[in-house]
C-alpha atoms as a PDB file:
ATOM      1  CA  UNK A   1       3.412  13.595  12.206  1.00  0.00           C
ATOM      2  CA  UNK A   2       4.288  10.730  13.217  1.00  0.00           C
ATOM      3  CA  UNK A   3       4.864   7.633  10.750  1.00  0.00           C
ATOM      4  CA  UNK A   4       2.822   4.220  11.147  1.00  0.00           C
ATOM      5  CA  UNK A   5       1.873   1.226   9.308  1.00  0.00           C
ATOM      6  CA  UNK A   6       0.256  -1.559  11.195  1.00  0.00           C
ATOM      7  CA  UNK A   7      -0.262  -5.672   9.738  1.00  0.00           C
ATOM      8  CA  UNK A   8      -3.121  -6.799   9.745  1.00  0.00           C
ATOM      9  CA  UNK A   9      -4.012 -10.878   7.883  1.00  0.00           C
ATOM     10  CA  UNK A  10      -7.005 -12.789   7.404  1.00  0.00           C
ATOM     11  CA  UNK A  11      -7.206 -15.506   5.279  1.00  0.00           C
ATOM     12  CA  UNK A  12      -4.774 -14.127   1.650  1.00  0.00           C
ATOM     13  CA  UNK A  13      -5.711 -10.493   2.216  1.00  0.00           C
ATOM     14  CA  UNK A  14      -2.753  -8.379   3.902  1.00  0.00           C
ATOM     15  CA  UNK A  15      -3.648  -5.437   4.694  1.00  0.00           C
ATOM     16  CA  UNK A  16      -1.417  -1.843   6.214  1.00  0.00           C
ATOM     17  CA  UNK A  17      -2.891   1.018   7.626  1.00  0.00           C
ATOM     18  CA  UNK A  18      -0.803   3.693   6.677  1.00  0.00           C
ATOM     19  CA  UNK A  19      -0.910   7.610   8.583  1.00  0.00           C
ATOM     20  CA  UNK A  20       1.441  10.378   9.230  1.00  0.00           C
ATOM     21  CA  UNK A  21       4.390  11.003   6.321  1.00  0.00           C
ATOM     22  CA  UNK A  22       6.623   7.941   4.577  1.00  0.00           C
ATOM     23  CA  UNK A  23       9.768  10.028   3.595  1.00  0.00           C
ATOM     24  CA  UNK A  24      13.691   8.825   3.762  1.00  0.00           C
ATOM     25  CA  UNK A  25      13.301   8.686   7.735  1.00  0.00           C
ATOM     26  CA  UNK A  26       9.986   6.265   8.202  1.00  0.00           C
ATOM     27  CA  UNK A  27      10.905   4.276   4.983  1.00  0.00           C
ATOM     28  CA  UNK A  28      11.912   1.172   6.704  1.00  0.00           C
ATOM     29  CA  UNK A  29       9.045   0.507   9.420  1.00  0.00           C
ATOM     30  CA  UNK A  30       7.044   0.326   6.003  1.00  0.00           C
ATOM     31  CA  UNK A  31       9.468  -2.026   4.350  1.00  0.00           C
ATOM     32  CA  UNK A  32       9.396  -4.693   7.150  1.00  0.00           C
ATOM     33  CA  UNK A  33       5.628  -4.808   7.569  1.00  0.00           C
ATOM     34  CA  UNK A  34       6.447  -5.504   3.455  1.00  0.00           C
ATOM     35  CA  UNK A  35       8.315  -7.898   4.720  1.00  0.00           C
ATOM     36  CA  UNK A  36       6.582 -10.085   6.935  1.00  0.00           C
ATOM     37  CA  UNK A  37       3.265  -9.431   5.058  1.00  0.00           C
ATOM     38  CA  UNK A  38       5.342 -10.911   1.864  1.00  0.00           C
ATOM     39  CA  UNK A  39       6.711 -14.102   3.935  1.00  0.00           C
ATOM     40  CA  UNK A  40       2.830 -15.419   4.616  1.00  0.00           C
ATOM     41  CA  UNK A  41       0.882 -16.946   1.631  1.00  0.00           C
ATOM     42  CA  UNK A  42      -1.089 -13.903   0.651  1.00  0.00           C
ATOM     43  CA  UNK A  43      -2.617 -13.166  -2.825  1.00  0.00           C
ATOM     44  CA  UNK A  44      -3.968  -9.402  -2.185  1.00  0.00           C
ATOM     45  CA  UNK A  45      -2.239  -6.064  -0.461  1.00  0.00           C
ATOM     46  CA  UNK A  46      -4.626  -3.378   1.043  1.00  0.00           C
ATOM     47  CA  UNK A  47      -2.591  -0.263   1.586  1.00  0.00           C
ATOM     48  CA  UNK A  48      -5.180   1.739   3.621  1.00  0.00           C
ATOM     49  CA  UNK A  49      -3.579   5.796   2.825  1.00  0.00           C
ATOM     50  CA  UNK A  50      -6.664   7.765   3.983  1.00  0.00           C
ATOM     51  CA  UNK A  51      -4.588   8.887   6.742  1.00  0.00           C
ATOM     52  CA  UNK A  52      -1.363   9.365   5.158  1.00  0.00           C
ATOM     53  CA  UNK A  53      -0.347  12.699   4.682  1.00  0.00           C
ATOM     54  CA  UNK A  54       3.024  12.894   2.204  1.00  0.00           C
ATOM     55  CA  UNK A  55       4.775  10.560   0.193  1.00  0.00           C
ATOM     56  CA  UNK A  56       8.325  11.827  -0.881  1.00  0.00           C
ATOM     57  CA  UNK A  57      10.496  10.252  -2.606  1.00  0.00           C
ATOM     58  CA  UNK A  58      11.704   7.504  -0.451  1.00  0.00           C
ATOM     59  CA  UNK A  59       8.544   6.478   0.149  1.00  0.00           C
ATOM     60  CA  UNK A  60       7.449   5.897  -3.435  1.00  0.00           C
ATOM     61  CA  UNK A  61      10.610   3.733  -3.628  1.00  0.00           C
ATOM     62  CA  UNK A  62       9.349   2.209  -0.388  1.00  0.00           C
ATOM     63  CA  UNK A  63       5.989   2.135  -3.463  1.00  0.00           C
ATOM     64  CA  UNK A  64       7.861   0.132  -6.227  1.00  0.00           C
ATOM     65  CA  UNK A  65       9.362  -1.941  -3.734  1.00  0.00           C
ATOM     66  CA  UNK A  66       6.224  -3.489  -2.609  1.00  0.00           C
ATOM     67  CA  UNK A  67       4.912  -3.734  -6.313  1.00  0.00           C
ATOM     68  CA  UNK A  68       7.995  -5.683  -6.797  1.00  0.00           C
ATOM     69  CA  UNK A  69       8.560  -7.529  -3.527  1.00  0.00           C
ATOM     70  CA  UNK A  70       5.445  -9.091  -4.085  1.00  0.00           C
ATOM     71  CA  UNK A  71       5.115  -9.711  -7.781  1.00  0.00           C
ATOM     72  CA  UNK A  72       2.592 -10.405  -9.803  1.00  0.00           C
ATOM     73  CA  UNK A  73       0.553 -12.660  -8.843  1.00  0.00           C
ATOM     74  CA  UNK A  74      -0.594 -10.629  -5.733  1.00  0.00           C
ATOM     75  CA  UNK A  75      -3.314  -7.836  -6.413  1.00  0.00           C
ATOM     76  CA  UNK A  76      -2.556  -4.381  -4.735  1.00  0.00           C
ATOM     77  CA  UNK A  77      -5.071  -2.022  -3.920  1.00  0.00           C
ATOM     78  CA  UNK A  78      -4.108   1.511  -2.263  1.00  0.00           C
ATOM     79  CA  UNK A  79      -7.718   2.665  -0.702  1.00  0.00           C
ATOM     80  CA  UNK A  80      -8.089   6.994  -0.004  1.00  0.00           C
ATOM     81  CA  UNK A  81      -4.722   8.433  -0.966  1.00  0.00           C
ATOM     82  CA  UNK A  82      -4.980  12.315   0.092  1.00  0.00           C
ATOM     83  CA  UNK A  83      -4.819  14.925  -2.427  1.00  0.00           C
ATOM     84  CA  UNK A  84      -1.183  15.308  -2.089  1.00  0.00           C
ATOM     85  CA  UNK A  85      -0.224  11.292  -2.328  1.00  0.00           C
ATOM     86  CA  UNK A  86      -2.382  10.926  -4.940  1.00  0.00           C
ATOM     87  CA  UNK A  87      -0.796  13.828  -7.078  1.00  0.00           C
ATOM     88  CA  UNK A  88       2.790  12.083  -6.934  1.00  0.00           C
ATOM     89  CA  UNK A  89       1.074   8.649  -7.435  1.00  0.00           C
ATOM     90  CA  UNK A  90      -0.183   9.600 -10.698  1.00  0.00           C
ATOM     91  CA  UNK A  91       2.965  12.053 -11.930  1.00  0.00           C
ATOM     92  CA  UNK A  92       4.920   8.993 -11.718  1.00  0.00           C
ATOM     93  CA  UNK A  93       2.418   6.807 -12.988  1.00  0.00           C
ATOM     94  CA  UNK A  94       2.502   4.236 -10.446  1.00  0.00           C
ATOM     95  CA  UNK A  95      -1.593   4.287 -10.302  1.00  0.00           C
ATOM     96  CA  UNK A  96      -1.498   2.504 -13.403  1.00  0.00           C
ATOM     97  CA  UNK A  97       0.347  -0.780 -11.886  1.00  0.00           C
ATOM     98  CA  UNK A  98      -1.875  -0.702  -8.435  1.00  0.00           C
ATOM     99  CA  UNK A  99      -5.268  -0.432  -7.704  1.00  0.00           C
ATOM    100  CA  UNK A 100      -6.124   2.997  -6.444  1.00  0.00           C
ATOM    101  CA  UNK A 101     -10.347   2.937  -5.494  1.00  0.00           C
ATOM    102  CA  UNK A 102     -11.532   4.888  -2.826  1.00  0.00           C
ATOM    103  CA  UNK A 103     -13.626   3.262  -0.625  1.00  0.00           C
ATOM    104  CA  UNK A 104     -12.435  -0.262   1.050  1.00  0.00           C
ATOM    105  CA  UNK A 105     -15.033  -2.775   0.299  1.00  0.00           C
ATOM    106  CA  UNK A 106     -13.881  -6.192   0.412  1.00  0.00           C
ATOM    107  CA  UNK A 107     -16.812  -7.394  -0.765  1.00  0.00           C
ATOM    108  CA  UNK A 108     -16.056  -6.387  -4.168  1.00  0.00           C
ATOM    109  CA  UNK A 109     -12.258  -7.171  -4.211  1.00  0.00           C
ATOM    110  CA  UNK A 110     -13.299 -11.439  -3.479  1.00  0.00           C
ATOM    111  CA  UNK A 111     -15.351 -10.573  -5.853  1.00  0.00           C
ATOM    112  CA  UNK A 112     -12.732  -9.349  -8.370  1.00  0.00           C
ATOM    113  CA  UNK A 113     -10.282 -11.730  -7.501  1.00  0.00           C
ATOM    114  CA  UNK A 114     -12.285 -14.718  -8.681  1.00  0.00           C
END
């Protein structure tokens, strides 16, 4: 399946919707979106992963890069990861460094940040 990443920024929240397979051949597409989000004055990054079917080690490296690039002042939320993607996040312990949620609720996230 083809990989796709779309970035939307509203106020101080960047949302990147991911679909397909995030691997070595598609990691640079994701990296470009992260760079564009990091260049803005954001405090929250939402990674919509409901349609992301596969996450390779190269994709995982991009998530680690994302965490480093955004820095400690940006809250990162992983939303609706599929079972295989969540399994990768759990086996590597990455799920401990981000907020994994089943459903995106802007109001709940906003109140958690206040």
